[in-house]
Amino acid sequence: MTEETKTDTPPARLSVNPKSEHFDVEVLKRGVGIRFKGKQRTDIEEYSIPEGWVRVQAGKTMDRHGNPLTLKLSGPVEAWFEDLGDDAPVAKKD
């Protein structure tokens, strides 16, 4: 894999929660598109391409620490950088 290809595909795991070890503000600034089970989603809190899951917020429910309660959904996940346009390279499990 070339250096250019590495920067053109999003990481295999990413979170929007600043407390997570998978949080990366630079990647999030670029805008990451997510397709889960063939449908584009905009409500994803965290994803893992190799493990095949996403986390979505469960309505307005909060846990006892005041953090949004999330549900883990399993299925095929694809991610791409939105700033690269419609023909952007897609990161997905092979």
N, C-alpha and C. Protein backbone atom coordinates (compact mmCIF):
# COMPACT_ATOMS: atom_id res chain seq x y z
N MET A 1 0.85 -1.18 0.00
CA MET A 1 0.00 0.00 0.00
C MET A 1 0.90 1.24 0.00
N THR A 2 0.62 2.16 -0.89
CA THR A 2 1.43 3.37 -0.98
C THR A 2 1.00 4.38 0.06
N GLU A 3 1.84 5.38 0.30
CA GLU A 3 1.52 6.43 1.28
C GLU A 3 0.28 7.20 0.84
N GLU A 4 0.13 7.43 -0.45
CA GLU A 4 -1.04 8.16 -0.96
C GLU A 4 -2.32 7.38 -0.69
N THR A 5 -2.29 6.06 -0.88
CA THR A 5 -3.45 5.24 -0.63
C THR A 5 -3.82 5.24 0.85
N LYS A 6 -2.83 5.22 1.74
CA LYS A 6 -3.10 5.24 3.16
C LYS A 6 -3.85 6.51 3.57
N THR A 7 -3.50 7.63 3.00
CA THR A 7 -4.14 8.89 3.37
C THR A 7 -5.48 9.08 2.67
N ASP A 8 -5.76 8.28 1.64
CA ASP A 8 -7.02 8.41 0.91
C ASP A 8 -8.14 7.56 1.49
N THR A 9 -7.83 6.65 2.41
CA THR A 9 -8.86 5.84 3.04
C THR A 9 -8.88 6.11 4.54
N PRO A 10 -10.05 6.14 5.13
CA PRO A 10 -10.15 6.39 6.58
C PRO A 10 -9.59 5.23 7.39
N PRO A 11 -9.35 5.45 8.68
CA PRO A 11 -8.82 4.36 9.51
C PRO A 11 -9.84 3.23 9.67
N ALA A 12 -9.35 2.06 10.04
CA ALA A 12 -10.22 0.89 10.20
C ALA A 12 -11.16 1.04 11.39
N ARG A 13 -10.81 1.88 12.35
CA ARG A 13 -11.67 2.11 13.51
C ARG A 13 -11.61 3.58 13.87
N LEU A 14 -12.77 4.18 14.14
CA LEU A 14 -12.84 5.61 14.43
C LEU A 14 -14.02 5.88 15.37
N SER A 15 -13.84 6.85 16.27
CA SER A 15 -14.88 7.23 17.21
C SER A 15 -15.02 8.74 17.23
N VAL A 16 -16.23 9.23 17.49
CA VAL A 16 -16.45 10.68 17.62
C VAL A 16 -16.34 11.13 19.07
N ASN A 17 -16.16 10.19 20.00
CA ASN A 17 -16.04 10.50 21.42
C ASN A 17 -14.59 10.88 21.75
N PRO A 18 -14.34 12.11 22.23
CA PRO A 18 -12.98 12.55 22.54
C PRO A 18 -12.29 11.71 23.62
N LYS A 19 -13.04 10.98 24.43
CA LYS A 19 -12.45 10.15 25.48
C LYS A 19 -11.94 8.81 24.94
N SER A 20 -12.31 8.46 23.72
CA SER A 20 -11.94 7.18 23.14
C SER A 20 -10.51 7.22 22.60
N GLU A 21 -9.84 6.08 22.64
CA GLU A 21 -8.49 5.99 22.07
C GLU A 21 -8.53 6.00 20.54
N HIS A 22 -9.70 5.82 19.96
CA HIS A 22 -9.85 5.81 18.50
C HIS A 22 -10.35 7.14 17.95
N PHE A 23 -10.37 8.16 18.79
CA PHE A 23 -10.77 9.51 18.38
C PHE A 23 -9.61 10.18 17.65
N ASP A 24 -9.87 10.78 16.48
CA ASP A 24 -8.85 11.48 15.70
C ASP A 24 -9.49 12.71 15.07
N VAL A 25 -9.22 13.87 15.64
CA VAL A 25 -9.86 15.11 15.19
C VAL A 25 -9.50 15.45 13.74
N GLU A 26 -8.28 15.17 13.33
CA GLU A 26 -7.87 15.49 11.95
C GLU A 26 -8.66 14.68 10.93
N VAL A 27 -8.89 13.42 11.23
CA VAL A 27 -9.68 12.57 10.33
C VAL A 27 -11.13 13.04 10.31
N LEU A 28 -11.67 13.38 11.47
CA LEU A 28 -13.07 13.82 11.53
C LEU A 28 -13.28 15.15 10.82
N LYS A 29 -12.27 16.02 10.83
CA LYS A 29 -12.38 17.30 10.11
C LYS A 29 -12.56 17.09 8.61
N ARG A 30 -11.96 16.03 8.08
CA ARG A 30 -12.08 15.75 6.65
C ARG A 30 -13.49 15.28 6.28
N GLY A 31 -14.19 14.71 7.23
CA GLY A 31 -15.52 14.17 6.96
C GLY A 31 -15.44 12.73 6.48
N VAL A 32 -16.03 11.84 7.24
CA VAL A 32 -16.00 10.42 6.91
C VAL A 32 -17.43 9.97 6.62
N GLY A 33 -17.63 9.42 5.43
CA GLY A 33 -18.92 8.84 5.08
C GLY A 33 -18.94 7.38 5.50
N ILE A 34 -20.08 6.91 6.01
CA ILE A 34 -20.21 5.54 6.48
C ILE A 34 -21.39 4.88 5.78
N ARG A 35 -21.15 3.68 5.27
CA ARG A 35 -22.22 2.86 4.72
C ARG A 35 -22.27 1.60 5.57
N PHE A 36 -23.45 1.33 6.17
CA PHE A 36 -23.64 0.17 7.02
C PHE A 36 -24.75 -0.68 6.44
N LYS A 37 -24.45 -1.93 6.14
CA LYS A 37 -25.40 -2.86 5.51
C LYS A 37 -25.96 -2.28 4.22
N GLY A 38 -25.12 -1.60 3.45
CA GLY A 38 -25.51 -1.08 2.16
C GLY A 38 -26.25 0.25 2.19
N LYS A 39 -26.46 0.82 3.37
CA LYS A 39 -27.20 2.08 3.49
C LYS A 39 -26.30 3.14 4.12
N GLN A 40 -26.26 4.32 3.52
CA GLN A 40 -25.44 5.41 4.06
C GLN A 40 -26.07 5.92 5.35
N ARG A 41 -25.22 6.05 6.40
CA ARG A 41 -25.70 6.47 7.72
C ARG A 41 -24.94 7.72 8.17
N THR A 42 -25.63 8.59 8.89
CA THR A 42 -24.99 9.79 9.42
C THR A 42 -25.04 9.84 10.95
N ASP A 43 -25.58 8.79 11.57
CA ASP A 43 -25.74 8.77 13.02
C ASP A 43 -24.77 7.83 13.74
N ILE A 44 -23.66 7.52 13.12
CA ILE A 44 -22.69 6.57 13.67
C ILE A 44 -21.79 7.28 14.69
N GLU A 45 -21.68 6.71 15.88
CA GLU A 45 -20.81 7.24 16.94
C GLU A 45 -19.40 6.64 16.83
N GLU A 46 -19.32 5.38 16.46
CA GLU A 46 -18.03 4.67 16.36
C GLU A 46 -18.22 3.52 15.38
N TYR A 47 -17.12 3.14 14.69
CA TYR A 47 -17.20 2.00 13.79
C TYR A 47 -15.89 1.21 13.82
N SER A 48 -15.99 -0.05 13.43
CA SER A 48 -14.83 -0.91 13.26
C SER A 48 -15.05 -1.73 12.00
N ILE A 49 -14.24 -1.49 10.99
CA ILE A 49 -14.39 -2.19 9.72
C ILE A 49 -13.97 -3.66 9.85
N PRO A 50 -12.79 -3.98 10.43
CA PRO A 50 -12.38 -5.38 10.50
C PRO A 50 -13.31 -6.25 11.36
N GLU A 51 -13.86 -5.69 12.42
CA GLU A 51 -14.74 -6.45 13.29
C GLU A 51 -16.19 -6.42 12.81
N GLY A 52 -16.53 -5.52 11.88
CA GLY A 52 -17.86 -5.47 11.28
C GLY A 52 -18.96 -5.00 12.21
N TRP A 53 -18.78 -3.85 12.85
CA TRP A 53 -19.81 -3.29 13.72
C TRP A 53 -19.77 -1.77 13.73
N VAL A 54 -20.90 -1.18 14.15
CA VAL A 54 -21.01 0.26 14.37
C VAL A 54 -21.72 0.47 15.70
N ARG A 55 -21.51 1.64 16.29
CA ARG A 55 -22.24 2.04 17.49
C ARG A 55 -23.09 3.25 17.13
N VAL A 56 -24.37 3.20 17.50
CA VAL A 56 -25.30 4.31 17.27
C VAL A 56 -25.93 4.69 18.60
N GLN A 57 -26.29 5.95 18.72
CA GLN A 57 -26.90 6.44 19.95
C GLN A 57 -28.32 5.90 20.07
N ALA A 58 -28.69 5.47 21.29
CA ALA A 58 -30.02 4.92 21.55
C ALA A 58 -30.96 6.04 21.98
N GLY A 59 -31.44 6.80 21.02
CA GLY A 59 -32.35 7.92 21.30
C GLY A 59 -31.68 8.98 22.15
N LYS A 60 -32.39 9.48 23.14
CA LYS A 60 -31.83 10.51 24.02
C LYS A 60 -31.42 9.92 25.37
N THR A 61 -31.35 8.61 25.46
CA THR A 61 -31.03 7.93 26.70
C THR A 61 -29.56 8.16 27.08
N MET A 62 -29.35 8.42 28.37
CA MET A 62 -28.00 8.64 28.89
C MET A 62 -27.66 7.56 29.91
N ASP A 63 -26.36 7.25 30.03
CA ASP A 63 -25.95 6.33 31.08
C ASP A 63 -25.79 7.09 32.39
N ARG A 64 -25.36 6.42 33.43
CA ARG A 64 -25.29 7.06 34.75
C ARG A 64 -24.20 8.11 34.85
N HIS A 65 -23.30 8.17 33.86
CA HIS A 65 -22.24 9.19 33.84
C HIS A 65 -22.60 10.38 32.95
N GLY A 66 -23.79 10.34 32.36
CA GLY A 66 -24.23 11.44 31.50
C GLY A 66 -23.80 11.31 30.05
N ASN A 67 -23.25 10.16 29.68
CA ASN A 67 -22.84 9.92 28.29
C ASN A 67 -24.00 9.27 27.53
N PRO A 68 -24.09 9.52 26.24
CA PRO A 68 -25.17 8.89 25.46
C PRO A 68 -25.05 7.37 25.50
N LEU A 69 -26.16 6.69 25.66
CA LEU A 69 -26.18 5.24 25.62
C LEU A 69 -26.13 4.81 24.16
N THR A 70 -25.26 3.87 23.84
CA THR A 70 -25.11 3.44 22.45
C THR A 70 -25.43 1.96 22.30
N LEU A 71 -25.83 1.60 21.09
CA LEU A 71 -26.10 0.21 20.74
C LEU A 71 -25.06 -0.23 19.72
N LYS A 72 -24.59 -1.45 19.86
CA LYS A 72 -23.63 -2.01 18.93
C LYS A 72 -24.38 -2.88 17.92
N LEU A 73 -24.28 -2.51 16.63
CA LEU A 73 -24.94 -3.23 15.56
C LEU A 73 -23.90 -3.92 14.70
N SER A 74 -24.13 -5.17 14.34
CA SER A 74 -23.17 -5.94 13.54
C SER A 74 -23.61 -5.99 12.08
N GLY A 75 -22.61 -5.94 11.20
CA GLY A 75 -22.87 -6.02 9.77
C GLY A 75 -21.71 -5.43 8.99
N PRO A 76 -21.76 -5.50 7.67
CA PRO A 76 -20.67 -4.95 6.85
C PRO A 76 -20.61 -3.43 6.93
N VAL A 77 -19.38 -2.90 7.11
CA VAL A 77 -19.16 -1.46 7.26
C VAL A 77 -18.20 -1.00 6.17
N GLU A 78 -18.51 0.13 5.54
CA GLU A 78 -17.63 0.76 4.55
C GLU A 78 -17.46 2.22 4.94
N ALA A 79 -16.26 2.76 4.74
CA ALA A 79 -15.99 4.16 5.08
C ALA A 79 -15.17 4.81 3.98
N TRP A 80 -15.37 6.12 3.79
CA TRP A 80 -14.62 6.89 2.81
C TRP A 80 -14.55 8.34 3.27
N PHE A 81 -13.57 9.07 2.72
CA PHE A 81 -13.46 10.49 3.02
C PHE A 81 -14.38 11.26 2.08
N GLU A 82 -15.26 12.07 2.65
CA GLU A 82 -16.22 12.82 1.85
C GLU A 82 -15.56 13.94 1.06
N ASP A 83 -14.41 14.44 1.51
CA ASP A 83 -13.76 15.54 0.80
C ASP A 83 -13.10 15.10 -0.51
N LEU A 84 -13.07 13.79 -0.80
CA LEU A 84 -12.47 13.30 -2.04
C LEU A 84 -13.48 13.15 -3.17
N GLY A 85 -14.75 13.42 -2.90
CA GLY A 85 -15.76 13.37 -3.94
C GLY A 85 -16.44 12.01 -4.06
N ASP A 86 -17.17 11.85 -5.16
CA ASP A 86 -17.97 10.64 -5.36
C ASP A 86 -17.16 9.39 -5.67
N ASP A 87 -15.97 9.54 -6.24
CA ASP A 87 -15.16 8.37 -6.58
C ASP A 87 -14.02 8.13 -5.60
N ALA A 88 -14.25 8.45 -4.33
CA ALA A 88 -13.24 8.30 -3.28
C ALA A 88 -13.00 6.81 -3.00
N PRO A 89 -11.75 6.44 -2.67
CA PRO A 89 -11.49 5.04 -2.29
C PRO A 89 -12.25 4.67 -1.03
N VAL A 90 -12.81 3.48 -1.01
CA VAL A 90 -13.63 3.02 0.10
C VAL A 90 -12.85 2.00 0.93
N ALA A 91 -12.82 2.20 2.25
CA ALA A 91 -12.21 1.23 3.15
C ALA A 91 -13.28 0.25 3.56
N LYS A 92 -13.05 -1.04 3.28
CA LYS A 92 -14.01 -2.07 3.67
C LYS A 92 -13.27 -3.37 3.91
N LYS A 93 -13.95 -4.29 4.59
CA LYS A 93 -13.36 -5.59 4.89
C LYS A 93 -13.36 -6.42 3.62
N ASP A 94 -12.21 -7.00 3.32
CA ASP A 94 -12.11 -7.80 2.09
C ASP A 94 -12.54 -9.23 2.28
